[in-house]
C-alpha atoms as a PDB file:
ATOM      1  CA  MET A   1      -5.339  22.216  10.550  1.00  0.00           C
ATOM      2  CA  LEU A   2      -1.594  21.271  11.185  1.00  0.00           C
ATOM      3  CA  ILE A   3      -1.976  17.931  12.190  1.00  0.00           C
ATOM      4  CA  PRO A   4      -3.371  16.802   8.964  1.00  0.00           C
ATOM      5  CA  TYR A   5      -0.286  18.354   6.740  1.00  0.00           C
ATOM      6  CA  LEU A   6       1.747  16.713   9.419  1.00  0.00           C
ATOM      7  CA  ALA A   7       0.607  13.255   8.812  1.00  0.00           C
ATOM      8  CA  LEU A   8       0.622  13.553   5.303  1.00  0.00           C
ATOM      9  CA  CYS A   9       4.615  14.401   5.396  1.00  0.00           C
ATOM     10  CA  GLY A  10       4.950  11.872   8.026  1.00  0.00           C
ATOM     11  CA  ARG A  11       2.903   9.031   5.269  1.00  0.00           C
ATOM     12  CA  ILE A  12       5.302  10.088   2.638  1.00  0.00           C
ATOM     13  CA  PHE A  13       8.395   9.691   4.367  1.00  0.00           C
ATOM     14  CA  LEU A  14       7.248   6.528   6.295  1.00  0.00           C
ATOM     15  CA  LEU A  15       5.693   4.793   3.334  1.00  0.00           C
ATOM     16  CA  GLY A  16       8.924   5.677   0.809  1.00  0.00           C
ATOM     17  CA  TRP A  17      11.151   3.559   3.516  1.00  0.00           C
ATOM     18  CA  GLU A  18       8.590   0.795   4.271  1.00  0.00           C
ATOM     19  CA  ARG A  19       8.824  -0.817   0.771  1.00  0.00           C
ATOM     20  CA  ILE A  20      12.243  -1.220   1.034  1.00  0.00           C
ATOM     21  CA  LEU A  21      12.035  -3.219   4.479  1.00  0.00           C
ATOM     22  CA  VAL A  22       8.987  -5.297   3.269  1.00  0.00           C
ATOM     23  CA  LYS A  23      11.704  -5.962   0.405  1.00  0.00           C
ATOM     24  CA  LYS A  24      13.841  -7.062   2.645  1.00  0.00           C
ATOM     25  CA  LEU A  25      11.994  -9.302   5.157  1.00  0.00           C
ATOM     26  CA  GLY A  26       9.749 -10.867   2.864  1.00  0.00           C
ATOM     27  CA  GLU A  27      13.218 -12.080   0.466  1.00  0.00           C
ATOM     28  CA  ASN A  28      14.097 -15.850   0.800  1.00  0.00           C
ATOM     29  CA  SER A  29      10.949 -16.350   3.535  1.00  0.00           C
ATOM     30  CA  ASP A  30       7.654 -17.265   3.357  1.00  0.00           C
ATOM     31  CA  SER A  31       5.192 -14.665   2.096  1.00  0.00           C
ATOM     32  CA  ILE A  32       2.442 -15.111   4.180  1.00  0.00           C
ATOM     33  CA  SER A  33       4.904 -14.925   7.731  1.00  0.00           C
ATOM     34  CA  GLY A  34       6.339 -12.118   6.177  1.00  0.00           C
ATOM     35  CA  THR A  35       2.856 -10.518   5.978  1.00  0.00           C
ATOM     36  CA  PHE A  36       1.301 -11.376   9.227  1.00  0.00           C
ATOM     37  CA  LEU A  37       4.398 -10.239  11.510  1.00  0.00           C
ATOM     38  CA  PHE A  38       4.239  -6.788   9.119  1.00  0.00           C
ATOM     39  CA  PHE A  39       0.667  -6.345  10.720  1.00  0.00           C
ATOM     40  CA  SER A  40       0.914  -7.968  14.368  1.00  0.00           C
ATOM     41  CA  LEU A  41       4.129  -6.150  15.133  1.00  0.00           C
ATOM     42  CA  GLY A  42       2.089  -2.973  13.774  1.00  0.00           C
ATOM     43  CA  THR A  43      -0.674  -4.043  15.922  1.00  0.00           C
ATOM     44  CA  ILE A  44       1.370  -3.524  19.170  1.00  0.00           C
ATOM     45  CA  PHE A  45       2.896  -0.140  17.676  1.00  0.00           C
ATOM     46  CA  LEU A  46      -0.617   1.148  17.612  1.00  0.00           C
ATOM     47  CA  LEU A  47      -1.636  -0.058  21.297  1.00  0.00           C
ATOM     48  CA  PRO A  48      -0.127   3.347  23.296  1.00  0.00           C
ATOM     49  CA  THR A  49      -2.464   5.262  20.637  1.00  0.00           C
ATOM     50  CA  LEU A  50      -5.273   3.793  22.184  1.00  0.00           C
ATOM     51  CA  LEU A  51      -4.936   6.111  25.228  1.00  0.00           C
ATOM     52  CA  TYR A  52      -6.185   8.727  23.269  1.00  0.00           C
ATOM     53  CA  VAL A  53      -9.703   7.521  22.363  1.00  0.00           C
ATOM     54  CA  ASP A  54     -12.769   5.497  23.767  1.00  0.00           C
ATOM     55  CA  LEU A  55     -13.086   1.764  22.720  1.00  0.00           C
ATOM     56  CA  VAL A  56     -16.248   1.081  21.088  1.00  0.00           C
ATOM     57  CA  LEU A  57     -17.088  -1.858  18.792  1.00  0.00           C
ATOM     58  CA  ASN A  58     -20.650  -2.405  17.258  1.00  0.00           C
ATOM     59  CA  LEU A  59     -21.637  -4.313  14.394  1.00  0.00           C
ATOM     60  CA  SER A  60     -21.578  -1.738  12.190  1.00  0.00           C
ATOM     61  CA  ILE A  61     -17.571  -1.100  12.852  1.00  0.00           C
ATOM     62  CA  LEU A  62     -17.111  -4.678  13.106  1.00  0.00           C
ATOM     63  CA  PHE A  63     -18.878  -5.267   9.467  1.00  0.00           C
ATOM     64  CA  PHE A  64     -16.304  -2.410   7.975  1.00  0.00           C
ATOM     65  CA  VAL A  65     -13.337  -4.357   9.779  1.00  0.00           C
ATOM     66  CA  THR A  66     -14.241  -7.726   8.591  1.00  0.00           C
ATOM     67  CA  LEU A  67     -14.655  -6.871   5.338  1.00  0.00           C
ATOM     68  CA  SER A  68     -12.011  -5.056   4.993  1.00  0.00           C
ATOM     69  CA  SER A  69      -9.253  -6.997   6.762  1.00  0.00           C
ATOM     70  CA  PHE A  70     -10.349  -9.971   4.781  1.00  0.00           C
ATOM     71  CA  VAL A  71      -9.566  -7.713   1.526  1.00  0.00           C
ATOM     72  CA  TYR A  72      -6.076  -6.430   2.709  1.00  0.00           C
ATOM     73  CA  SER A  73      -5.317  -9.779   3.776  1.00  0.00           C
ATOM     74  CA  ILE A  74      -5.011 -11.138   0.590  1.00  0.00           C
ATOM     75  CA  ALA A  75      -3.919  -7.545  -0.881  1.00  0.00           C
ATOM     76  CA  PHE A  76      -0.977  -7.702   0.974  1.00  0.00           C
ATOM     77  CA  TRP A  77       0.274 -10.869   1.019  1.00  0.00           C
ATOM     78  CA  LEU A  78       0.545 -10.080  -2.882  1.00  0.00           C
ATOM     79  CA  TYR A  79       1.977  -6.815  -1.595  1.00  0.00           C
ATOM     80  CA  VAL A  80       4.864  -8.360   0.014  1.00  0.00           C
ATOM     81  CA  LYS A  81       5.578 -11.348  -2.151  1.00  0.00           C
ATOM     82  CA  SER A  82       5.995  -8.540  -5.217  1.00  0.00           C
ATOM     83  CA  LEU A  83       8.281  -6.391  -3.298  1.00  0.00           C
ATOM     84  CA  SER A  84      10.019 -10.045  -2.267  1.00  0.00           C
ATOM     85  CA  GLU A  85      10.551 -11.626  -5.769  1.00  0.00           C
ATOM     86  CA  GLY A  86      10.817  -8.273  -7.811  1.00  0.00           C
ATOM     87  CA  GLU A  87      12.760  -5.140  -7.716  1.00  0.00           C
ATOM     88  CA  ALA A  88      11.361  -2.667  -5.486  1.00  0.00           C
ATOM     89  CA  SER A  89      12.006   0.054  -8.137  1.00  0.00           C
ATOM     90  CA  LEU A  90       9.585  -1.694 -10.301  1.00  0.00           C
ATOM     91  CA  VAL A  91       7.072  -3.298  -9.002  1.00  0.00           C
ATOM     92  CA  SER A  92       6.895  -0.058  -6.296  1.00  0.00           C
ATOM     93  CA  PRO A  93       5.329   2.423  -8.662  1.00  0.00           C
ATOM     94  CA  LEU A  94       2.639   0.056  -9.309  1.00  0.00           C
ATOM     95  CA  TYR A  95       0.761  -0.336  -6.596  1.00  0.00           C
ATOM     96  CA  ASN A  96      -0.492   3.698  -7.157  1.00  0.00           C
ATOM     97  CA  PHE A  97      -2.433   1.766  -9.783  1.00  0.00           C
ATOM     98  CA  ASN A  98      -5.437   1.469  -7.259  1.00  0.00           C
ATOM     99  CA  VAL A  99      -5.873   5.153  -7.574  1.00  0.00           C
ATOM    100  CA  PHE A 100      -6.544   3.961 -11.519  1.00  0.00           C
ATOM    101  CA  PHE A 101      -8.846   0.906 -10.056  1.00  0.00           C
ATOM    102  CA  LEU A 102     -10.623   3.174  -7.771  1.00  0.00           C
ATOM    103  CA  LEU A 103     -11.792   5.722 -11.337  1.00  0.00           C
ATOM    104  CA  ILE A 104     -12.885   2.801 -13.060  1.00  0.00           C
ATOM    105  CA  LEU A 105     -15.135   1.536 -10.141  1.00  0.00           C
ATOM    106  CA  ALA A 106     -16.523   5.102  -9.573  1.00  0.00           C
ATOM    107  CA  VAL A 107     -17.379   5.122 -13.254  1.00  0.00           C
ATOM    108  CA  THR A 108     -19.068   1.742 -13.310  1.00  0.00           C
ATOM    109  CA  PHE A 109     -20.493   1.634 -10.060  1.00  0.00           C
ATOM    110  CA  LEU A 110     -21.529   5.439  -9.099  1.00  0.00           C
ATOM    111  CA  GLY A 111     -21.850   7.352 -12.924  1.00  0.00           C
ATOM    112  CA  GLU A 112     -19.084   9.162 -12.517  1.00  0.00           C
ATOM    113  CA  LYS A 113     -17.772  11.048 -15.664  1.00  0.00           C
ATOM    114  CA  LEU A 114     -14.572  10.637 -17.007  1.00  0.00           C
ATOM    115  CA  SER A 115     -13.617  14.363 -17.722  1.00  0.00           C
ATOM    116  CA  ILE A 116     -10.399  15.640 -20.416  1.00  0.00           C
ATOM    117  CA  PHE A 117      -8.359  15.803 -17.291  1.00  0.00           C
ATOM    118  CA  LYS A 118      -8.870  12.264 -15.778  1.00  0.00           C
ATOM    119  CA  ILE A 119      -8.321  10.894 -19.702  1.00  0.00           C
ATOM    120  CA  ALA A 120      -4.984  13.071 -19.864  1.00  0.00           C
ATOM    121  CA  GLY A 121      -3.862  11.441 -16.335  1.00  0.00           C
ATOM    122  CA  LEU A 122      -4.830   7.947 -17.141  1.00  0.00           C
ATOM    123  CA  ILE A 123      -2.617   8.726 -20.557  1.00  0.00           C
ATOM    124  CA  PHE A 124       0.052   9.912 -18.375  1.00  0.00           C
ATOM    125  CA  LEU A 125       0.078   7.153 -15.960  1.00  0.00           C
ATOM    126  CA  PHE A 126       0.384   4.574 -18.545  1.00  0.00           C
ATOM    127  CA  TYR A 127       3.242   6.181 -20.976  1.00  0.00           C
ATOM    128  CA  GLY A 128       4.890   6.649 -16.974  1.00  0.00           C
ATOM    129  CA  VAL A 129       4.628   2.580 -16.573  1.00  0.00           C
ATOM    130  CA  SER A 130       6.510   2.197 -19.498  1.00  0.00           C
ATOM    131  CA  PHE A 131       9.480   3.354 -18.323  1.00  0.00           C
ATOM    132  CA  LEU A 132       9.729   0.938 -15.439  1.00  0.00           C
ATOM    133  CA  ASN A 133      11.060  -2.003 -17.377  1.00  0.00           C
ATOM    134  CA  ARG A 134      11.725  -0.179 -21.032  1.00  0.00           C
ATOM    135  CA  LYS A 135      12.245  -2.237 -24.096  1.00  0.00           C
ATOM    136  CA  SER A 136      12.724  -1.311 -27.724  1.00  0.00           C
ATOM    137  CA  ASN A 137       8.888   0.112 -27.848  1.00  0.00           C
ATOM    138  CA  ILE A 138       6.151   1.190 -25.673  1.00  0.00           C
ATOM    139  CA  LEU A 139       3.897  -2.299 -26.644  1.00  0.00           C
ATOM    140  CA  GLU A 140       7.119  -4.232 -25.519  1.00  0.00           C
ATOM    141  CA  SER A 141       7.697  -2.333 -22.452  1.00  0.00           C
ATOM    142  CA  PHE A 142       4.115  -2.960 -21.284  1.00  0.00           C
ATOM    143  CA  LYS A 143       4.173  -6.860 -22.315  1.00  0.00           C
ATOM    144  CA  ALA A 144       7.426  -7.141 -20.159  1.00  0.00           C
ATOM    145  CA  ILE A 145       5.727  -5.805 -17.252  1.00  0.00           C
ATOM    146  CA  LEU A 146       2.485  -7.890 -17.745  1.00  0.00           C
ATOM    147  CA  LEU A 147       4.599 -11.021 -17.855  1.00  0.00           C
ATOM    148  CA  ASP A 148       6.357 -10.245 -15.000  1.00  0.00           C
ATOM    149  CA  LYS A 149       4.786 -12.585 -11.961  1.00  0.00           C
ATOM    150  CA  PRO A 150       6.146  -9.869  -9.560  1.00  0.00           C
ATOM    151  CA  CYS A 151       4.189  -6.950 -11.597  1.00  0.00           C
ATOM    152  CA  GLN A 152       1.158  -9.071 -11.647  1.00  0.00           C
ATOM    153  CA  TYR A 153       1.032  -9.361  -7.689  1.00  0.00           C
ATOM    154  CA  MET A 154       1.394  -5.796  -7.399  1.00  0.00           C
ATOM    155  CA  ILE A 155      -1.403  -4.987  -9.785  1.00  0.00           C
ATOM    156  CA  VAL A 156      -3.902  -7.554  -8.581  1.00  0.00           C
ATOM    157  CA  ALA A 157      -2.916  -6.042  -4.630  1.00  0.00           C
ATOM    158  CA  SER A 158      -3.464  -2.335  -5.972  1.00  0.00           C
ATOM    159  CA  LEU A 159      -7.112  -3.507  -7.235  1.00  0.00           C
ATOM    160  CA  LEU A 160      -7.630  -5.057  -3.738  1.00  0.00           C
ATOM    161  CA  ILE A 161      -6.293  -1.919  -2.241  1.00  0.00           C
ATOM    162  CA  ALA A 162      -8.628   0.431  -4.171  1.00  0.00           C
ATOM    163  CA  ILE A 163     -11.821  -1.843  -2.750  1.00  0.00           C
ATOM    164  CA  GLY A 164     -10.098  -1.522   0.553  1.00  0.00           C
ATOM    165  CA  ARG A 165      -9.818   2.121   0.401  1.00  0.00           C
ATOM    166  CA  THR A 166     -13.560   2.427  -0.794  1.00  0.00           C
ATOM    167  CA  ILE A 167     -14.636   0.595   2.384  1.00  0.00           C
ATOM    168  CA  ASP A 168     -12.453   2.712   4.505  1.00  0.00           C
ATOM    169  CA  GLY A 169     -13.623   5.620   3.112  1.00  0.00           C
ATOM    170  CA  ASN A 170     -17.659   4.655   4.711  1.00  0.00           C
ATOM    171  CA  ALA A 171     -15.913   3.065   8.082  1.00  0.00           C
ATOM    172  CA  ILE A 172     -13.766   6.619   9.250  1.00  0.00           C
ATOM    173  CA  LYS A 173     -17.416   8.025   9.016  1.00  0.00           C
ATOM    174  CA  ILE A 174     -18.729   6.263  12.011  1.00  0.00           C
ATOM    175  CA  THR A 175     -15.570   5.818  14.243  1.00  0.00           C
ATOM    176  CA  THR A 176     -12.003   7.199  14.911  1.00  0.00           C
ATOM    177  CA  PRO A 177      -8.930   6.902  12.346  1.00  0.00           C
ATOM    178  CA  ILE A 178      -6.797   5.531  15.817  1.00  0.00           C
ATOM    179  CA  LEU A 179      -9.244   3.039  16.444  1.00  0.00           C
ATOM    180  CA  TYR A 180      -9.854   1.672  12.868  1.00  0.00           C
ATOM    181  CA  ALA A 181      -6.282   1.753  12.029  1.00  0.00           C
ATOM    182  CA  PHE A 182      -5.794  -0.656  15.042  1.00  0.00           C
ATOM    183  CA  TYR A 183      -9.351  -2.799  14.654  1.00  0.00           C
ATOM    184  CA  LEU A 184      -8.260  -3.013  10.846  1.00  0.00           C
ATOM    185  CA  ASN A 185      -4.452  -4.232  11.990  1.00  0.00           C
ATOM    186  CA  VAL A 186      -5.753  -7.008  14.588  1.00  0.00           C
ATOM    187  CA  GLY A 187      -8.337  -8.207  11.667  1.00  0.00           C
ATOM    188  CA  ILE A 188      -6.024  -8.683   9.424  1.00  0.00           C
ATOM    189  CA  SER A 189      -3.641 -10.519  11.509  1.00  0.00           C
ATOM    190  CA  ILE A 190      -6.242 -12.447  12.468  1.00  0.00           C
ATOM    191  CA  PHE A 191      -7.084 -13.674   8.821  1.00  0.00           C
ATOM    192  CA  LEU A 192      -3.609 -14.324   8.556  1.00  0.00           C
ATOM    193  CA  LEU A 193      -2.945 -16.371  11.404  1.00  0.00           C
ATOM    194  CA  LEU A 194      -5.961 -18.392  10.829  1.00  0.00           C
ATOM    195  CA  TYR A 195      -4.255 -19.081   7.471  1.00  0.00           C
ATOM    196  CA  ILE A 196      -0.685 -20.209   8.860  1.00  0.00           C
ATOM    197  CA  PHE A 197      -2.644 -22.595  11.254  1.00  0.00           C
ATOM    198  CA  ALA A 198      -4.818 -24.227   9.007  1.00  0.00           C
ATOM    199  CA  LYS A 199      -1.171 -24.471   6.822  1.00  0.00           C
ATOM    200  CA  LYS A 200       0.402 -25.659  10.375  1.00  0.00           C
ATOM    201  CA  ASN A 201       3.446 -22.974   9.002  1.00  0.00           C
ATOM    202  CA  LEU A 202       3.471 -21.451  12.540  1.00  0.00           C
ATOM    203  CA  SER A 203       7.213 -22.670  13.253  1.00  0.00           C
ATOM    204  CA  LYS A 204       8.099 -20.848   9.643  1.00  0.00           C
ATOM    205  CA  THR A 205       6.916 -17.656  10.984  1.00  0.00           C
ATOM    206  CA  ILE A 206       8.572 -17.898  14.768  1.00  0.00           C
ATOM    207  CA  SER A 207      12.204 -18.964  12.684  1.00  0.00           C
ATOM    208  CA  LEU A 208      11.710 -15.834  10.644  1.00  0.00           C
ATOM    209  CA  PHE A 209      11.075 -13.433  13.475  1.00  0.00           C
ATOM    210  CA  LYS A 210      13.884 -14.796  15.208  1.00  0.00           C
ATOM    211  CA  GLU A 211      15.566 -14.248  11.849  1.00  0.00           C
ATOM    212  CA  LYS A 212      14.780 -10.907  10.870  1.00  0.00           C
ATOM    213  CA  LYS A 213      13.488  -9.310  14.400  1.00  0.00           C
ATOM    214  CA  LYS A 214      14.886  -6.016  13.414  1.00  0.00           C
ATOM    215  CA  ILE A 215      13.366  -5.632   9.742  1.00  0.00           C
ATOM    216  CA  ALA A 216      10.363  -7.134  11.024  1.00  0.00           C
ATOM    217  CA  THR A 217       9.599  -4.562  13.844  1.00  0.00           C
ATOM    218  CA  LEU A 218      10.485  -1.240  11.905  1.00  0.00           C
ATOM    219  CA  SER A 219       8.417  -2.598   8.984  1.00  0.00           C
ATOM    220  CA  GLY A 220       5.765  -3.093  11.338  1.00  0.00           C
ATOM    221  CA  GLY A 221       5.857   0.160  13.507  1.00  0.00           C
ATOM    222  CA  LEU A 222       6.463   1.784   9.294  1.00  0.00           C
ATOM    223  CA  ASN A 223       3.312   0.176   8.372  1.00  0.00           C
ATOM    224  CA  ALA A 224       1.241   0.855  11.227  1.00  0.00           C
ATOM    225  CA  TYR A 225       1.562   4.797  11.652  1.00  0.00           C
ATOM    226  CA  SER A 226       2.076   5.143   7.788  1.00  0.00           C
ATOM    227  CA  TYR A 227      -1.470   4.211   7.497  1.00  0.00           C
ATOM    228  CA  LEU A 228      -2.675   5.891  10.627  1.00  0.00           C
ATOM    229  CA  PHE A 229      -1.073   9.063   9.521  1.00  0.00           C
ATOM    230  CA  LEU A 230      -2.922   8.916   5.844  1.00  0.00           C
ATOM    231  CA  LEU A 231      -6.383   8.914   7.749  1.00  0.00           C
ATOM    232  CA  ILE A 232      -5.125  11.706  10.292  1.00  0.00           C
ATOM    233  CA  ALA A 233      -4.403  13.205   6.657  1.00  0.00           C
ATOM    234  CA  PHE A 234      -8.031  12.241   5.606  1.00  0.00           C
ATOM    235  CA  THR A 235      -9.695  14.083   8.418  1.00  0.00           C
ATOM    236  CA  GLY A 236      -8.349  17.829   7.081  1.00  0.00           C
ATOM    237  CA  ILE A 237      -7.275  17.075   3.688  1.00  0.00           C
ATOM    238  CA  GLU A 238      -9.504  16.420   0.442  1.00  0.00           C
ATOM    239  CA  VAL A 239      -8.692  13.275  -0.606  1.00  0.00           C
ATOM    240  CA  SER A 240      -7.423  14.706  -3.603  1.00  0.00           C
ATOM    241  CA  ILE A 241      -4.785  16.151  -2.485  1.00  0.00           C
ATOM    242  CA  ALA A 242      -3.603  14.139  -0.026  1.00  0.00           C
ATOM    243  CA  GLU A 243      -3.942  10.518  -1.726  1.00  0.00           C
ATOM    244  CA  PRO A 244      -1.656  11.522  -5.030  1.00  0.00           C
ATOM    245  CA  ALA A 245       0.758  13.682  -2.779  1.00  0.00           C
ATOM    246  CA  SER A 246       0.986  10.662  -0.367  1.00  0.00           C
ATOM    247  CA  MET A 247       2.059   8.914  -3.823  1.00  0.00           C
ATOM    248  CA  THR A 248       5.462  11.095  -4.010  1.00  0.00           C
ATOM    249  CA  ALA A 249       6.726   8.712  -2.167  1.00  0.00           C
ATOM    250  CA  MET A 250       7.620   6.644  -5.044  1.00  0.00           C
ATOM    251  CA  ILE A 251      10.366   9.011  -5.448  1.00  0.00           C
ATOM    252  CA  ILE A 252      11.610   7.793  -2.095  1.00  0.00           C
ATOM    253  CA  THR A 253      11.109   4.257  -2.396  1.00  0.00           C
ATOM    254  CA  VAL A 254      13.224   4.595  -6.104  1.00  0.00           C
ATOM    255  CA  ILE A 255      16.234   6.465  -4.775  1.00  0.00           C
ATOM    256  CA  LEU A 256      16.616   4.139  -1.871  1.00  0.00           C
ATOM    257  CA  ALA A 257      16.337   1.081  -4.053  1.00  0.00           C
ATOM    258  CA  GLY A 258      19.262   2.350  -6.410  1.00  0.00           C
ATOM    259  CA  ARG A 259      21.169   3.624  -3.263  1.00  0.00           C
ATOM    260  CA  ILE A 260      20.316   0.524  -0.887  1.00  0.00           C
ATOM    261  CA  LEU A 261      19.709  -2.273  -3.038  1.00  0.00           C
ATOM    262  CA  ASN A 262      21.848  -1.365  -6.178  1.00  0.00           C
ATOM    263  CA  GLU A 263      18.559  -1.369  -8.529  1.00  0.00           C
ATOM    264  CA  SER A 264      18.928   0.432 -11.745  1.00  0.00           C
ATOM    265  CA  ILE A 265      16.815   3.437 -11.277  1.00  0.00           C
ATOM    266  CA  LYS A 266      17.794   5.936 -14.048  1.00  0.00           C
ATOM    267  CA  GLU A 267      14.503   5.515 -16.549  1.00  0.00           C
ATOM    268  CA  ARG A 268      12.212   4.526 -13.768  1.00  0.00           C
ATOM    269  CA  LEU A 269      13.201   7.966 -11.783  1.00  0.00           C
ATOM    270  CA  LEU A 270      11.411   9.356 -15.080  1.00  0.00           C
ATOM    271  CA  GLY A 271       8.631   7.248 -15.885  1.00  0.00           C
ATOM    272  CA  VAL A 272       7.609   7.725 -11.940  1.00  0.00           C
ATOM    273  CA  ALA A 273       7.303  11.730 -12.343  1.00  0.00           C
ATOM    274  CA  ILE A 274       4.901  10.926 -15.590  1.00  0.00           C
ATOM    275  CA  MET A 275       3.287   8.538 -13.605  1.00  0.00           C
ATOM    276  CA  LEU A 276       3.162  11.517 -10.726  1.00  0.00           C
ATOM    277  CA  ILE A 277       1.597  13.584 -13.345  1.00  0.00           C
ATOM    278  CA  GLY A 278      -0.881  11.413 -14.085  1.00  0.00           C
ATOM    279  CA  LEU A 279      -1.998  10.777 -10.646  1.00  0.00           C
ATOM    280  CA  TRP A 280      -2.087  14.699  -9.930  1.00  0.00           C
ATOM    281  CA  LEU A 281      -4.723  14.897 -13.514  1.00  0.00           C
ATOM    282  CA  LEU A 282      -6.766  12.082 -12.168  1.00  0.00           C
ATOM    283  CA  PHE A 283      -8.084  14.412  -9.038  1.00  0.00           C
ATOM    284  CA  ILE A 284      -8.621  17.360 -10.690  1.00  0.00           C
END
């Protein structure tokens, strides 16, 4: 029972650092190439874990992996593009809107009811967002975020990630987290590589790896194991606890963005704290 909680702690720590490295990887670089390195190197890091599982691939697993890989390929391209073009302390918290979109999907398609706690959670979530790009009033703050390109990329990415998480939840019922994480990284890498070949951008990808080899390798490792840790956490911790708890990684990212990237984070830290309250309420 201790392993899922250790995995959750690992997820929080790695995810907090991941976004800083992704920003450095994507800055002044081709986003598709950066995203490909992010997942292909992550695949290599996951290879040793295959020693602990039986390799199984059937049509059911292949279906989930293919579908999820396609969705995540687009989602994480936008994720990398958002972080590389925007301030990490501004766009990273918007990643957690995938919880909002998951709720909308559940209410729309699964008939889930909006409780008082969920309504309160949404209010806190949106109020916290207004602190990320503080203007003269709350409407101007929302407008500034919605008109900001990197913020737009992250919001769309969070919607697609919500769809991907829904697929993941069904997939790990028929396979192990380790095997699914590996197959998913392989699938995403294949989709991105096909796009790179189609655009004849392989030379850009190779150049990016040579230029930022250390950052690319570290980001790939963090990506692989932060996701694997999330899947392991789900095996022993309820989603209603694990998902919002993992989102405390926002605090680590914002603090690191202030210290390493010299971003202005004072009001954003307050906004993140308010958002976290909202996220917890959404899961009650």
